[in-house]
Amino acid sequence: MSLEELIKEVDRLDENDLDRLLHQVVFLRARRKAKVLPETEAQLLLQINQGIPADIRDRYQILRQKREAETLTDTEYNALIDLSDRIEQIGVQRLEALANLALLRQVSLLDLMETLGIQPVTYV
């Protein structure tokens, strides 16, 4: 199968399967690099590349839309706060992994992010 054919097939996946595929591809890439990279760096790269699970992201977006439409119930408001906390924690863990990798490689955090092609994440 050519790369173009593979990309066309990937484009047909639903969002959850696409997220699972992306996670697996990142894992495979990190495992290959792990043969060259020390185990600590490989683990940090896995943490850095781990995204917000699709179910959390989707539910968060739905609740944000309801909040903006002013149709959010108290229960949903509490769920939105909980999801915000979970998303923030994922971001904190990612930033900690980035900082640890920068320290390990003895480069600044901004230099590392540029080298890895990482842009600051926004959830808006």
PDB file of N, CA and C in Angstrom:
ATOM      1  N   MET A   1       0.850  -1.173   0.000  1.00  0.00           N
ATOM      2  CA  MET A   1       0.000   0.000   0.000  1.00  0.00           C
ATOM      3  C   MET A   1       0.895   1.235   0.000  1.00  0.00           C
ATOM      4  N   SER A   2       0.592   2.173  -0.864  1.00  0.00           N
ATOM      5  CA  SER A   2       1.395   3.395  -0.937  1.00  0.00           C
ATOM      6  C   SER A   2       1.022   4.329   0.211  1.00  0.00           C
ATOM      7  N   LEU A   3       1.866   5.297   0.444  1.00  0.00           N
ATOM      8  CA  LEU A   3       1.590   6.275   1.490  1.00  0.00           C
ATOM      9  C   LEU A   3       0.308   7.040   1.194  1.00  0.00           C
ATOM     10  N   GLU A   4       0.082   7.389  -0.060  1.00  0.00           N
ATOM     11  CA  GLU A   4      -1.132   8.112  -0.435  1.00  0.00           C
ATOM     12  C   GLU A   4      -2.380   7.281  -0.150  1.00  0.00           C
ATOM     13  N   GLU A   5      -2.319   5.977  -0.465  1.00  0.00           N
ATOM     14  CA  GLU A   5      -3.454   5.093  -0.200  1.00  0.00           C
ATOM     15  C   GLU A   5      -3.702   4.978   1.304  1.00  0.00           C
ATOM     16  N   LEU A   6      -2.629   4.887   2.053  1.00  0.00           N
ATOM     17  CA  LEU A   6      -2.743   4.790   3.501  1.00  0.00           C
ATOM     18  C   LEU A   6      -3.401   6.045   4.072  1.00  0.00           C
ATOM     19  N   ILE A   7      -2.979   7.196   3.607  1.00  0.00           N
ATOM     20  CA  ILE A   7      -3.553   8.454   4.081  1.00  0.00           C
ATOM     21  C   ILE A   7      -5.033   8.545   3.724  1.00  0.00           C
ATOM     22  N   LYS A   8      -5.414   8.090   2.538  1.00  0.00           N
ATOM     23  CA  LYS A   8      -6.825   8.096   2.159  1.00  0.00           C
ATOM     24  C   LYS A   8      -7.643   7.203   3.095  1.00  0.00           C
ATOM     25  N   GLU A   9      -7.088   6.046   3.441  1.00  0.00           N
ATOM     26  CA  GLU A   9      -7.792   5.142   4.355  1.00  0.00           C
ATOM     27  C   GLU A   9      -7.895   5.757   5.751  1.00  0.00           C
ATOM     28  N   VAL A  10      -6.836   6.393   6.201  1.00  0.00           N
ATOM     29  CA  VAL A  10      -6.842   7.037   7.514  1.00  0.00           C
ATOM     30  C   VAL A  10      -7.887   8.143   7.546  1.00  0.00           C
ATOM     31  N   ASP A  11      -8.045   8.847   6.455  1.00  0.00           N
ATOM     32  CA  ASP A  11      -9.015   9.939   6.372  1.00  0.00           C
ATOM     33  C   ASP A  11     -10.446   9.441   6.565  1.00  0.00           C
ATOM     34  N   ARG A  12     -10.687   8.178   6.341  1.00  0.00           N
ATOM     35  CA  ARG A  12     -12.031   7.602   6.493  1.00  0.00           C
ATOM     36  C   ARG A  12     -12.357   7.218   7.932  1.00  0.00           C
ATOM     37  N   LEU A  13     -11.363   7.212   8.811  1.00  0.00           N
ATOM     38  CA  LEU A  13     -11.583   6.810  10.197  1.00  0.00           C
ATOM     39  C   LEU A  13     -12.411   7.843  10.942  1.00  0.00           C
ATOM     40  N   ASP A  14     -13.216   7.356  11.910  1.00  0.00           N
ATOM     41  CA  ASP A  14     -13.913   8.317  12.763  1.00  0.00           C
ATOM     42  C   ASP A  14     -12.906   8.893  13.754  1.00  0.00           C
ATOM     43  N   GLU A  15     -13.317   9.916  14.474  1.00  0.00           N
ATOM     44  CA  GLU A  15     -12.382  10.656  15.322  1.00  0.00           C
ATOM     45  C   GLU A  15     -11.751   9.796  16.416  1.00  0.00           C
ATOM     46  N   ASN A  16     -12.523   8.924  17.037  1.00  0.00           N
ATOM     47  CA  ASN A  16     -11.973   8.073  18.092  1.00  0.00           C
ATOM     48  C   ASN A  16     -10.924   7.110  17.544  1.00  0.00           C
ATOM     49  N   ASP A  17     -11.218   6.487  16.400  1.00  0.00           N
ATOM     50  CA  ASP A  17     -10.248   5.575  15.798  1.00  0.00           C
ATOM     51  C   ASP A  17      -9.014   6.332  15.320  1.00  0.00           C
ATOM     52  N   LEU A  18      -9.213   7.532  14.825  1.00  0.00           N
ATOM     53  CA  LEU A  18      -8.081   8.356  14.392  1.00  0.00           C
ATOM     54  C   LEU A  18      -7.188   8.699  15.577  1.00  0.00           C
ATOM     55  N   ASP A  19      -7.791   9.037  16.707  1.00  0.00           N
ATOM     56  CA  ASP A  19      -7.008   9.314  17.918  1.00  0.00           C
ATOM     57  C   ASP A  19      -6.235   8.079  18.370  1.00  0.00           C
ATOM     58  N   ARG A  20      -6.900   6.919  18.331  1.00  0.00           N
ATOM     59  CA  ARG A  20      -6.219   5.676  18.725  1.00  0.00           C
ATOM     60  C   ARG A  20      -5.064   5.377  17.778  1.00  0.00           C
ATOM     61  N   LEU A  21      -5.289   5.575  16.471  1.00  0.00           N
ATOM     62  CA  LEU A  21      -4.230   5.349  15.490  1.00  0.00           C
ATOM     63  C   LEU A  21      -3.062   6.295  15.736  1.00  0.00           C
ATOM     64  N   LEU A  22      -3.362   7.563  15.970  1.00  0.00           N
ATOM     65  CA  LEU A  22      -2.317   8.549  16.217  1.00  0.00           C
ATOM     66  C   LEU A  22      -1.479   8.156  17.426  1.00  0.00           C
ATOM     67  N   HIS A  23      -2.143   7.740  18.482  1.00  0.00           N
ATOM     68  CA  HIS A  23      -1.425   7.311  19.687  1.00  0.00           C
ATOM     69  C   HIS A  23      -0.511   6.126  19.373  1.00  0.00           C
ATOM     70  N   GLN A  24      -1.006   5.165  18.615  1.00  0.00           N
ATOM     71  CA  GLN A  24      -0.209   3.994  18.263  1.00  0.00           C
ATOM     72  C   GLN A  24       0.981   4.380  17.386  1.00  0.00           C
ATOM     73  N   VAL A  25       0.759   5.298  16.436  1.00  0.00           N
ATOM     74  CA  VAL A  25       1.851   5.739  15.561  1.00  0.00           C
ATOM     75  C   VAL A  25       2.916   6.451  16.381  1.00  0.00           C
ATOM     76  N   VAL A  26       2.492   7.303  17.297  1.00  0.00           N
ATOM     77  CA  VAL A  26       3.458   7.993  18.162  1.00  0.00           C
ATOM     78  C   VAL A  26       4.226   6.980  18.990  1.00  0.00           C
ATOM     79  N   PHE A  27       3.524   5.968  19.497  1.00  0.00           N
ATOM     80  CA  PHE A  27       4.186   4.927  20.277  1.00  0.00           C
ATOM     81  C   PHE A  27       5.209   4.178  19.425  1.00  0.00           C
ATOM     82  N   LEU A  28       4.816   3.805  18.209  1.00  0.00           N
ATOM     83  CA  LEU A  28       5.747   3.101  17.322  1.00  0.00           C
ATOM     84  C   LEU A  28       6.961   3.959  17.012  1.00  0.00           C
ATOM     85  N   ARG A  29       6.722   5.239  16.743  1.00  0.00           N
ATOM     86  CA  ARG A  29       7.831   6.147  16.440  1.00  0.00           C
ATOM     87  C   ARG A  29       8.756   6.278  17.640  1.00  0.00           C
ATOM     88  N   ALA A  30       8.188   6.430  18.806  1.00  0.00           N
ATOM     89  CA  ALA A  30       9.004   6.552  20.015  1.00  0.00           C
ATOM     90  C   ALA A  30       9.783   5.271  20.274  1.00  0.00           C
ATOM     91  N   ARG A  31       9.136   4.128  20.021  1.00  0.00           N
ATOM     92  CA  ARG A  31       9.831   2.853  20.234  1.00  0.00           C
ATOM     93  C   ARG A  31      11.020   2.716  19.283  1.00  0.00           C
ATOM     94  N   ARG A  32      10.841   3.137  18.044  1.00  0.00           N
ATOM     95  CA  ARG A  32      11.960   3.102  17.096  1.00  0.00           C
ATOM     96  C   ARG A  32      13.070   4.037  17.536  1.00  0.00           C
ATOM     97  N   LYS A  33      12.671   5.221  17.987  1.00  0.00           N
ATOM     98  CA  LYS A  33      13.678   6.171  18.458  1.00  0.00           C
ATOM     99  C   LYS A  33      14.327   5.676  19.749  1.00  0.00           C
ATOM    100  N   ALA A  34      13.576   4.890  20.510  1.00  0.00           N
ATOM    101  CA  ALA A  34      14.111   4.386  21.775  1.00  0.00           C
ATOM    102  C   ALA A  34      15.336   3.520  21.544  1.00  0.00           C
ATOM    103  N   LYS A  35      15.450   2.956  20.363  1.00  0.00           N
ATOM    104  CA  LYS A  35      16.636   2.175  20.050  1.00  0.00           C
ATOM    105  C   LYS A  35      17.858   3.082  19.988  1.00  0.00           C
ATOM    106  N   VAL A  36      17.616   4.354  19.702  1.00  0.00           N
ATOM    107  CA  VAL A  36      18.681   5.330  19.618  1.00  0.00           C
ATOM    108  C   VAL A  36      18.681   6.215  20.865  1.00  0.00           C
ATOM    109  N   LEU A  37      17.494   6.547  21.334  1.00  0.00           N
ATOM    110  CA  LEU A  37      17.359   7.415  22.492  1.00  0.00           C
ATOM    111  C   LEU A  37      17.429   6.607  23.787  1.00  0.00           C
ATOM    112  N   PRO A  38      17.928   7.219  24.832  1.00  0.00           N
ATOM    113  CA  PRO A  38      17.825   6.574  26.142  1.00  0.00           C
ATOM    114  C   PRO A  38      16.353   6.383  26.513  1.00  0.00           C
ATOM    115  N   GLU A  39      16.093   5.405  27.327  1.00  0.00           N
ATOM    116  CA  GLU A  39      14.720   5.073  27.728  1.00  0.00           C
ATOM    117  C   GLU A  39      14.009   6.276  28.334  1.00  0.00           C
ATOM    118  N   THR A  40      14.707   7.063  29.141  1.00  0.00           N
ATOM    119  CA  THR A  40      14.088   8.227  29.776  1.00  0.00           C
ATOM    120  C   THR A  40      13.579   9.204  28.733  1.00  0.00           C
ATOM    121  N   GLU A  41      14.373   9.482  27.703  1.00  0.00           N
ATOM    122  CA  GLU A  41      13.947  10.401  26.650  1.00  0.00           C
ATOM    123  C   GLU A  41      12.748   9.842  25.894  1.00  0.00           C
ATOM    124  N   ALA A  42      12.767   8.567  25.619  1.00  0.00           N
ATOM    125  CA  ALA A  42      11.656   7.945  24.891  1.00  0.00           C
ATOM    126  C   ALA A  42      10.357   8.059  25.696  1.00  0.00           C
ATOM    127  N   GLN A  43      10.427   7.821  26.989  1.00  0.00           N
ATOM    128  CA  GLN A  43       9.240   7.924  27.838  1.00  0.00           C
ATOM    129  C   GLN A  43       8.734   9.364  27.905  1.00  0.00           C
ATOM    130  N   LEU A  44       9.659  10.316  28.002  1.00  0.00           N
ATOM    131  CA  LEU A  44       9.254  11.721  28.024  1.00  0.00           C
ATOM    132  C   LEU A  44       8.591  12.120  26.711  1.00  0.00           C
ATOM    133  N   LEU A  45       9.135  11.641  25.598  1.00  0.00           N
ATOM    134  CA  LEU A  45       8.529  11.946  24.296  1.00  0.00           C
ATOM    135  C   LEU A  45       7.128  11.353  24.184  1.00  0.00           C
ATOM    136  N   LEU A  46       6.922  10.174  24.742  1.00  0.00           N
ATOM    137  CA  LEU A  46       5.578   9.586  24.745  1.00  0.00           C
ATOM    138  C   LEU A  46       4.604  10.459  25.533  1.00  0.00           C
ATOM    139  N   GLN A  47       5.041  10.929  26.701  1.00  0.00           N
ATOM    140  CA  GLN A  47       4.194  11.804  27.512  1.00  0.00           C
ATOM    141  C   GLN A  47       3.900  13.110  26.784  1.00  0.00           C
ATOM    142  N   ILE A  48       4.907  13.673  26.140  1.00  0.00           N
ATOM    143  CA  ILE A  48       4.750  14.938  25.431  1.00  0.00           C
ATOM    144  C   ILE A  48       3.746  14.801  24.293  1.00  0.00           C
ATOM    145  N   ASN A  49       3.772  13.676  23.611  1.00  0.00           N
ATOM    146  CA  ASN A  49       2.919  13.481  22.433  1.00  0.00           C
ATOM    147  C   ASN A  49       1.542  12.930  22.749  1.00  0.00           C
ATOM    148  N   GLN A  50       1.283  12.650  23.997  1.00  0.00           N
ATOM    149  CA  GLN A  50      -0.035  12.133  24.373  1.00  0.00           C
ATOM    150  C   GLN A  50      -1.019  13.296  24.398  1.00  0.00           C
ATOM    151  N   GLY A  51      -2.093  13.166  23.676  1.00  0.00           N
ATOM    152  CA  GLY A  51      -3.081  14.236  23.601  1.00  0.00           C
ATOM    153  C   GLY A  51      -4.212  14.042  24.591  1.00  0.00           C
ATOM    154  N   ILE A  52      -5.163  14.921  24.485  1.00  0.00           N
ATOM    155  CA  ILE A  52      -6.364  14.814  25.306  1.00  0.00           C
ATOM    156  C   ILE A  52      -7.264  13.771  24.663  1.00  0.00           C
ATOM    157  N   PRO A  53      -7.715  12.794  25.424  1.00  0.00           N
ATOM    158  CA  PRO A  53      -8.586  11.763  24.856  1.00  0.00           C
ATOM    159  C   PRO A  53      -9.809  12.382  24.177  1.00  0.00           C
ATOM    160  N   ALA A  54     -10.202  11.792  23.063  1.00  0.00           N
ATOM    161  CA  ALA A  54     -11.300  12.330  22.252  1.00  0.00           C
ATOM    162  C   ALA A  54     -12.591  12.463  23.049  1.00  0.00           C
ATOM    163  N   ASP A  55     -12.902  11.501  23.903  1.00  0.00           N
ATOM    164  CA  ASP A  55     -14.153  11.573  24.650  1.00  0.00           C
ATOM    165  C   ASP A  55     -14.171  12.765  25.606  1.00  0.00           C
ATOM    166  N   ILE A  56     -13.037  13.048  26.225  1.00  0.00           N
ATOM    167  CA  ILE A  56     -12.952  14.200  27.126  1.00  0.00           C
ATOM    168  C   ILE A  56     -13.058  15.493  26.326  1.00  0.00           C
ATOM    169  N   ARG A  57     -12.313  15.576  25.234  1.00  0.00           N
ATOM    170  CA  ARG A  57     -12.322  16.776  24.392  1.00  0.00           C
ATOM    171  C   ARG A  57     -13.727  17.044  23.845  1.00  0.00           C
ATOM    172  N   ASP A  58     -14.396  15.994  23.363  1.00  0.00           N
ATOM    173  CA  ASP A  58     -15.737  16.158  22.793  1.00  0.00           C
ATOM    174  C   ASP A  58     -16.746  16.617  23.843  1.00  0.00           C
ATOM    175  N   ARG A  59     -16.733  15.975  24.996  1.00  0.00           N
ATOM    176  CA  ARG A  59     -17.670  16.336  26.070  1.00  0.00           C
ATOM    177  C   ARG A  59     -17.414  17.765  26.544  1.00  0.00           C
ATOM    178  N   TYR A  60     -16.142  18.140  26.658  1.00  0.00           N
ATOM    179  CA  TYR A  60     -15.765  19.488  27.057  1.00  0.00           C
ATOM    180  C   TYR A  60     -16.324  20.522  26.070  1.00  0.00           C
ATOM    181  N   GLN A  61     -16.170  20.257  24.778  1.00  0.00           N
ATOM    182  CA  GLN A  61     -16.663  21.187  23.764  1.00  0.00           C
ATOM    183  C   GLN A  61     -18.192  21.330  23.824  1.00  0.00           C
ATOM    184  N   ILE A  62     -18.877  20.212  24.018  1.00  0.00           N
ATOM    185  CA  ILE A  62     -20.342  20.248  24.119  1.00  0.00           C
ATOM    186  C   ILE A  62     -20.778  21.094  25.315  1.00  0.00           C
ATOM    187  N   LEU A  63     -20.128  20.881  26.448  1.00  0.00           N
ATOM    188  CA  LEU A  63     -20.494  21.632  27.649  1.00  0.00           C
ATOM    189  C   LEU A  63     -20.139  23.108  27.517  1.00  0.00           C
ATOM    190  N   ARG A  64     -19.038  23.420  26.870  1.00  0.00           N
ATOM    191  CA  ARG A  64     -18.677  24.832  26.636  1.00  0.00           C
ATOM    192  C   ARG A  64     -19.730  25.511  25.760  1.00  0.00           C
ATOM    193  N   GLN A  65     -20.187  24.801  24.735  1.00  0.00           N
ATOM    194  CA  GLN A  65     -21.215  25.367  23.855  1.00  0.00           C
ATOM    195  C   GLN A  65     -22.513  25.618  24.628  1.00  0.00           C
ATOM    196  N   LYS A  66     -22.855  24.671  25.499  1.00  0.00           N
ATOM    197  CA  LYS A  66     -24.061  24.849  26.314  1.00  0.00           C
ATOM    198  C   LYS A  66     -23.903  26.020  27.278  1.00  0.00           C
ATOM    199  N   ARG A  67     -22.702  26.190  27.812  1.00  0.00           N
ATOM    200  CA  ARG A  67     -22.456  27.322  28.713  1.00  0.00           C
ATOM    201  C   ARG A  67     -22.607  28.636  27.953  1.00  0.00           C
ATOM    202  N   GLU A  68     -22.040  28.694  26.750  1.00  0.00           N
ATOM    203  CA  GLU A  68     -22.143  29.910  25.941  1.00  0.00           C
ATOM    204  C   GLU A  68     -23.590  30.195  25.542  1.00  0.00           C
ATOM    205  N   ALA A  69     -24.370  29.142  25.338  1.00  0.00           N
ATOM    206  CA  ALA A  69     -25.788  29.300  25.000  1.00  0.00           C
ATOM    207  C   ALA A  69     -26.648  29.524  26.246  1.00  0.00           C
ATOM    208  N   GLU A  70     -26.007  29.481  27.413  1.00  0.00           N
ATOM    209  CA  GLU A  70     -26.671  29.660  28.709  1.00  0.00           C
ATOM    210  C   GLU A  70     -27.750  28.615  28.948  1.00  0.00           C
ATOM    211  N   THR A  71     -27.456  27.368  28.544  1.00  0.00           N
ATOM    212  CA  THR A  71     -28.389  26.258  28.771  1.00  0.00           C
ATOM    213  C   THR A  71     -27.761  25.174  29.657  1.00  0.00           C
ATOM    214  N   LEU A  72     -26.697  25.523  30.325  1.00  0.00           N
ATOM    215  CA  LEU A  72     -25.949  24.564  31.151  1.00  0.00           C
ATOM    216  C   LEU A  72     -26.644  24.361  32.498  1.00  0.00           C
ATOM    217  N   THR A  73     -26.879  23.111  32.866  1.00  0.00           N
ATOM    218  CA  THR A  73     -27.464  22.819  34.177  1.00  0.00           C
ATOM    219  C   THR A  73     -26.363  22.857  35.236  1.00  0.00           C
ATOM    220  N   ASP A  74     -26.755  22.835  36.500  1.00  0.00           N
ATOM    221  CA  ASP A  74     -25.772  22.824  37.589  1.00  0.00           C
ATOM    222  C   ASP A  74     -24.895  21.570  37.521  1.00  0.00           C
ATOM    223  N   THR A  75     -25.506  20.445  37.214  1.00  0.00           N
ATOM    224  CA  THR A  75     -24.758  19.192  37.102  1.00  0.00           C
ATOM    225  C   THR A  75     -23.754  19.274  35.958  1.00  0.00           C
ATOM    226  N   GLU A  76     -24.205  19.820  34.850  1.00  0.00           N
ATOM    227  CA  GLU A  76     -23.305  19.969  33.704  1.00  0.00           C
ATOM    228  C   GLU A  76     -22.190  20.973  33.998  1.00  0.00           C
ATOM    229  N   TYR A  77     -22.528  22.007  34.760  1.00  0.00           N
ATOM    230  CA  TYR A  77     -21.510  22.988  35.146  1.00  0.00           C
ATOM    231  C   TYR A  77     -20.412  22.305  35.957  1.00  0.00           C
ATOM    232  N   ASN A  78     -20.806  21.474  36.901  1.00  0.00           N
ATOM    233  CA  ASN A  78     -19.819  20.738  37.705  1.00  0.00           C
ATOM    234  C   ASN A  78     -18.990  19.792  36.836  1.00  0.00           C
ATOM    235  N   ALA A  79     -19.633  19.158  35.862  1.00  0.00           N
ATOM    236  CA  ALA A  79     -18.912  18.278  34.943  1.00  0.00           C
ATOM    237  C   ALA A  79     -17.917  19.082  34.106  1.00  0.00           C
ATOM    238  N   LEU A  80     -18.315  20.278  33.685  1.00  0.00           N
ATOM    239  CA  LEU A  80     -17.420  21.144  32.916  1.00  0.00           C
ATOM    240  C   LEU A  80     -16.203  21.527  33.743  1.00  0.00           C
ATOM    241  N   ILE A  81     -16.406  21.847  34.999  1.00  0.00           N
ATOM    242  CA  ILE A  81     -15.289  22.182  35.892  1.00  0.00           C
ATOM    243  C   ILE A  81     -14.355  20.978  36.036  1.00  0.00           C
ATOM    244  N   ASP A  82     -14.928  19.794  36.236  1.00  0.00           N
ATOM    245  CA  ASP A  82     -14.118  18.575  36.365  1.00  0.00           C
ATOM    246  C   ASP A  82     -13.316  18.310  35.094  1.00  0.00           C
ATOM    247  N   LEU A  83     -13.957  18.455  33.942  1.00  0.00           N
ATOM    248  CA  LEU A  83     -13.247  18.241  32.675  1.00  0.00           C
ATOM    249  C   LEU A  83     -12.151  19.279  32.484  1.00  0.00           C
ATOM    250  N   SER A  84     -12.427  20.522  32.843  1.00  0.00           N
ATOM    251  CA  SER A  84     -11.406  21.576  32.748  1.00  0.00           C
ATOM    252  C   SER A  84     -10.202  21.226  33.608  1.00  0.00           C
ATOM    253  N   ASP A  85     -10.464  20.724  34.805  1.00  0.00           N
ATOM    254  CA  ASP A  85      -9.374  20.327  35.698  1.00  0.00           C
ATOM    255  C   ASP A  85      -8.565  19.179  35.092  1.00  0.00           C
ATOM    256  N   ARG A  86      -9.255  18.208  34.500  1.00  0.00           N
ATOM    257  CA  ARG A  86      -8.550  17.068  33.884  1.00  0.00           C
ATOM    258  C   ARG A  86      -7.703  17.515  32.705  1.00  0.00           C
ATOM    259  N   ILE A  87      -8.254  18.395  31.867  1.00  0.00           N
ATOM    260  CA  ILE A  87      -7.512  18.904  30.712  1.00  0.00           C
ATOM    261  C   ILE A  87      -6.305  19.708  31.185  1.00  0.00           C
ATOM    262  N   GLU A  88      -6.506  20.507  32.214  1.00  0.00           N
ATOM    263  CA  GLU A  88      -5.389  21.291  32.759  1.00  0.00           C
ATOM    264  C   GLU A  88      -4.300  20.364  33.300  1.00  0.00           C
ATOM    265  N   GLN A  89      -4.693  19.292  33.970  1.00  0.00           N
ATOM    266  CA  GLN A  89      -3.714  18.340  34.513  1.00  0.00           C
ATOM    267  C   GLN A  89      -2.919  17.670  33.393  1.00  0.00           C
ATOM    268  N   ILE A  90      -3.578  17.332  32.306  1.00  0.00           N
ATOM    269  CA  ILE A  90      -2.889  16.750  31.153  1.00  0.00           C
ATOM    270  C   ILE A  90      -1.868  17.747  30.616  1.00  0.00           C
ATOM    271  N   GLY A  91      -2.262  19.017  30.548  1.00  0.00           N
ATOM    272  CA  GLY A  91      -1.348  20.059  30.097  1.00  0.00           C
ATOM    273  C   GLY A  91      -0.164  20.227  31.020  1.00  0.00           C
ATOM    274  N   VAL A  92      -0.406  20.160  32.312  1.00  0.00           N
ATOM    275  CA  VAL A  92       0.673  20.272  33.300  1.00  0.00           C
ATOM    276  C   VAL A  92       1.649  19.106  33.150  1.00  0.00           C
ATOM    277  N   GLN A  93       1.125  17.895  32.998  1.00  0.00           N
ATOM    278  CA  GLN A  93       1.995  16.729  32.833  1.00  0.00           C
ATOM    279  C   GLN A  93       2.826  16.841  31.564  1.00  0.00           C
ATOM    280  N   ARG A  94       2.223  17.357  30.504  1.00  0.00           N
ATOM    281  CA  ARG A  94       2.952  17.535  29.244  1.00  0.00           C
ATOM    282  C   ARG A  94       4.064  18.566  29.425  1.00  0.00           C
ATOM    283  N   LEU A  95       3.747  19.665  30.080  1.00  0.00           N
ATOM    284  CA  LEU A  95       4.746  20.711  30.298  1.00  0.00           C
ATOM    285  C   LEU A  95       5.877  20.204  31.187  1.00  0.00           C
ATOM    286  N   GLU A  96       5.544  19.422  32.200  1.00  0.00           N
ATOM    287  CA  GLU A  96       6.585  18.841  33.056  1.00  0.00           C
ATOM    288  C   GLU A  96       7.498  17.920  32.247  1.00  0.00           C
ATOM    289  N   ALA A  97       6.916  17.113  31.369  1.00  0.00           N
ATOM    290  CA  ALA A  97       7.720  16.222  30.533  1.00  0.00           C
ATOM    291  C   ALA A  97       8.610  17.033  29.589  1.00  0.00           C
ATOM    292  N   LEU A  98       8.064  18.104  29.023  1.00  0.00           N
ATOM    293  CA  LEU A  98       8.870  18.979  28.168  1.00  0.00           C
ATOM    294  C   LEU A  98      10.026  19.594  28.944  1.00  0.00           C
ATOM    295  N   ALA A  99       9.732  20.086  30.138  1.00  0.00           N
ATOM    296  CA  ALA A  99      10.774  20.706  30.963  1.00  0.00           C
ATOM    297  C   ALA A  99      11.844  19.679  31.337  1.00  0.00           C
ATOM    298  N   ASN A 100      11.428  18.476  31.674  1.00  0.00           N
ATOM    299  CA  ASN A 100      12.396  17.429  32.028  1.00  0.00           C
ATOM    300  C   ASN A 100      13.265  17.049  30.837  1.00  0.00           C
ATOM    301  N   LEU A 101      12.658  16.970  29.658  1.00  0.00           N
ATOM    302  CA  LEU A 101      13.428  16.641  28.459  1.00  0.00           C
ATOM    303  C   LEU A 101      14.395  17.772  28.115  1.00  0.00           C
ATOM    304  N   ALA A 102      13.955  19.002  28.264  1.00  0.00           N
ATOM    305  CA  ALA A 102      14.847  20.150  28.018  1.00  0.00           C
ATOM    306  C   ALA A 102      16.027  20.119  28.976  1.00  0.00           C
ATOM    307  N   LEU A 103      15.747  19.816  30.219  1.00  0.00           N
ATOM    308  CA  LEU A 103      16.811  19.719  31.221  1.00  0.00           C
ATOM    309  C   LEU A 103      17.772  18.586  30.879  1.00  0.00           C
ATOM    310  N   LEU A 104      17.220  17.455  30.492  1.00  0.00           N
ATOM    311  CA  LEU A 104      18.027  16.293  30.123  1.00  0.00           C
ATOM    312  C   LEU A 104      18.928  16.600  28.930  1.00  0.00           C
ATOM    313  N   ARG A 105      18.382  17.321  27.961  1.00  0.00           N
ATOM    314  CA  ARG A 105      19.149  17.661  26.764  1.00  0.00           C
ATOM    315  C   ARG A 105      19.970  18.947  26.932  1.00  0.00           C
ATOM    316  N   GLN A 106      19.779  19.597  28.070  1.00  0.00           N
ATOM    317  CA  GLN A 106      20.497  20.834  28.395  1.00  0.00           C
ATOM    318  C   GLN A 106      20.251  21.933  27.359  1.00  0.00           C
ATOM    319  N   VAL A 107      18.961  22.146  27.045  1.00  0.00           N
ATOM    320  CA  VAL A 107      18.536  23.225  26.162  1.00  0.00           C
ATOM    321  C   VAL A 107      17.382  23.948  26.838  1.00  0.00           C
ATOM    322  N   SER A 108      17.079  25.141  26.352  1.00  0.00           N
ATOM    323  CA  SER A 108      15.940  25.865  26.922  1.00  0.00           C
ATOM    324  C   SER A 108      14.640  25.184  26.480  1.00  0.00           C
ATOM    325  N   LEU A 109      13.599  25.427  27.245  1.00  0.00           N
ATOM    326  CA  LEU A 109      12.296  24.854  26.917  1.00  0.00           C
ATOM    327  C   LEU A 109      11.818  25.343  25.552  1.00  0.00           C
ATOM    328  N   LEU A 110      11.985  26.629  25.286  1.00  0.00           N
ATOM    329  CA  LEU A 110      11.555  27.171  23.998  1.00  0.00           C
ATOM    330  C   LEU A 110      12.347  26.567  22.843  1.00  0.00           C
ATOM    331  N   ASP A 111      13.659  26.371  23.032  1.00  0.00           N
ATOM    332  CA  ASP A 111      14.475  25.748  21.987  1.00  0.00           C
ATOM    333  C   ASP A 111      14.022  24.315  21.732  1.00  0.00           C
ATOM    334  N   LEU A 112      13.735  23.589  22.804  1.00  0.00           N
ATOM    335  CA  LEU A 112      13.271  22.212  22.654  1.00  0.00           C
ATOM    336  C   LEU A 112      11.945  22.169  21.904  1.00  0.00           C
ATOM    337  N   MET A 113      11.021  23.037  22.285  1.00  0.00           N
ATOM    338  CA  MET A 113       9.717  23.067  21.625  1.00  0.00           C
ATOM    339  C   MET A 113       9.875  23.386  20.143  1.00  0.00           C
ATOM    340  N   GLU A 114      10.760  24.310  19.827  1.00  0.00           N
ATOM    341  CA  GLU A 114      10.998  24.643  18.426  1.00  0.00           C
ATOM    342  C   GLU A 114      11.606  23.463  17.681  1.00  0.00           C
ATOM    343  N   THR A 115      12.563  22.795  18.306  1.00  0.00           N
ATOM    344  CA  THR A 115      13.209  21.632  17.690  1.00  0.00           C
ATOM    345  C   THR A 115      12.198  20.520  17.411  1.00  0.00           C
ATOM    346  N   LEU A 116      11.285  20.316  18.343  1.00  0.00           N
ATOM    347  CA  LEU A 116      10.281  19.260  18.201  1.00  0.00           C
ATOM    348  C   LEU A 116       9.074  19.703  17.376  1.00  0.00           C
ATOM    349  N   GLY A 117       9.031  20.975  17.008  1.00  0.00           N
ATOM    350  CA  GLY A 117       7.898  21.487  16.240  1.00  0.00           C
ATOM    351  C   GLY A 117       6.628  21.571  17.057  1.00  0.00           C
ATOM    352  N   ILE A 118       6.760  21.867  18.342  1.00  0.00           N
ATOM    353  CA  ILE A 118       5.615  21.913  19.244  1.00  0.00           C
ATOM    354  C   ILE A 118       5.162  23.350  19.421  1.00  0.00           C
ATOM    355  N   GLN A 119       3.871  23.555  19.189  1.00  0.00           N
ATOM    356  CA  GLN A 119       3.245  24.862  19.399  1.00  0.00           C
ATOM    357  C   GLN A 119       2.498  24.813  20.725  1.00  0.00           C
ATOM    358  N   PRO A 120       2.390  25.945  21.402  1.00  0.00           N
ATOM    359  CA  PRO A 120       1.581  25.955  22.629  1.00  0.00           C
ATOM    360  C   PRO A 120       0.161  25.480  22.295  1.00  0.00           C
ATOM    361  N   VAL A 121      -0.413  24.683  23.174  1.00  0.00           N
ATOM    362  CA  VAL A 121      -1.738  24.131  22.971  1.00  0.00           C
ATOM    363  C   VAL A 121      -2.781  25.117  23.453  1.00  0.00           C
ATOM    364  N   THR A 122      -3.805  25.320  22.632  1.00  0.00           N
ATOM    365  CA  THR A 122      -4.951  26.129  23.054  1.00  0.00           C
ATOM    366  C   THR A 122      -6.181  25.247  23.014  1.00  0.00           C
ATOM    367  N   TYR A 123      -7.094  25.492  23.910  1.00  0.00           N
ATOM    368  CA  TYR A 123      -8.304  24.672  24.018  1.00  0.00           C
ATOM    369  C   TYR A 123      -9.553  25.453  23.669  1.00  0.00           C
ATOM    370  N   VAL A 124      -9.376  26.587  23.059  1.00  0.00           N
ATOM    371  CA  VAL A 124     -10.516  27.438  22.716  1.00  0.00           C
ATOM    372  C   VAL A 124     -11.101  27.017  21.397  1.00  0.00           C
TER     373      VAL A 124
END
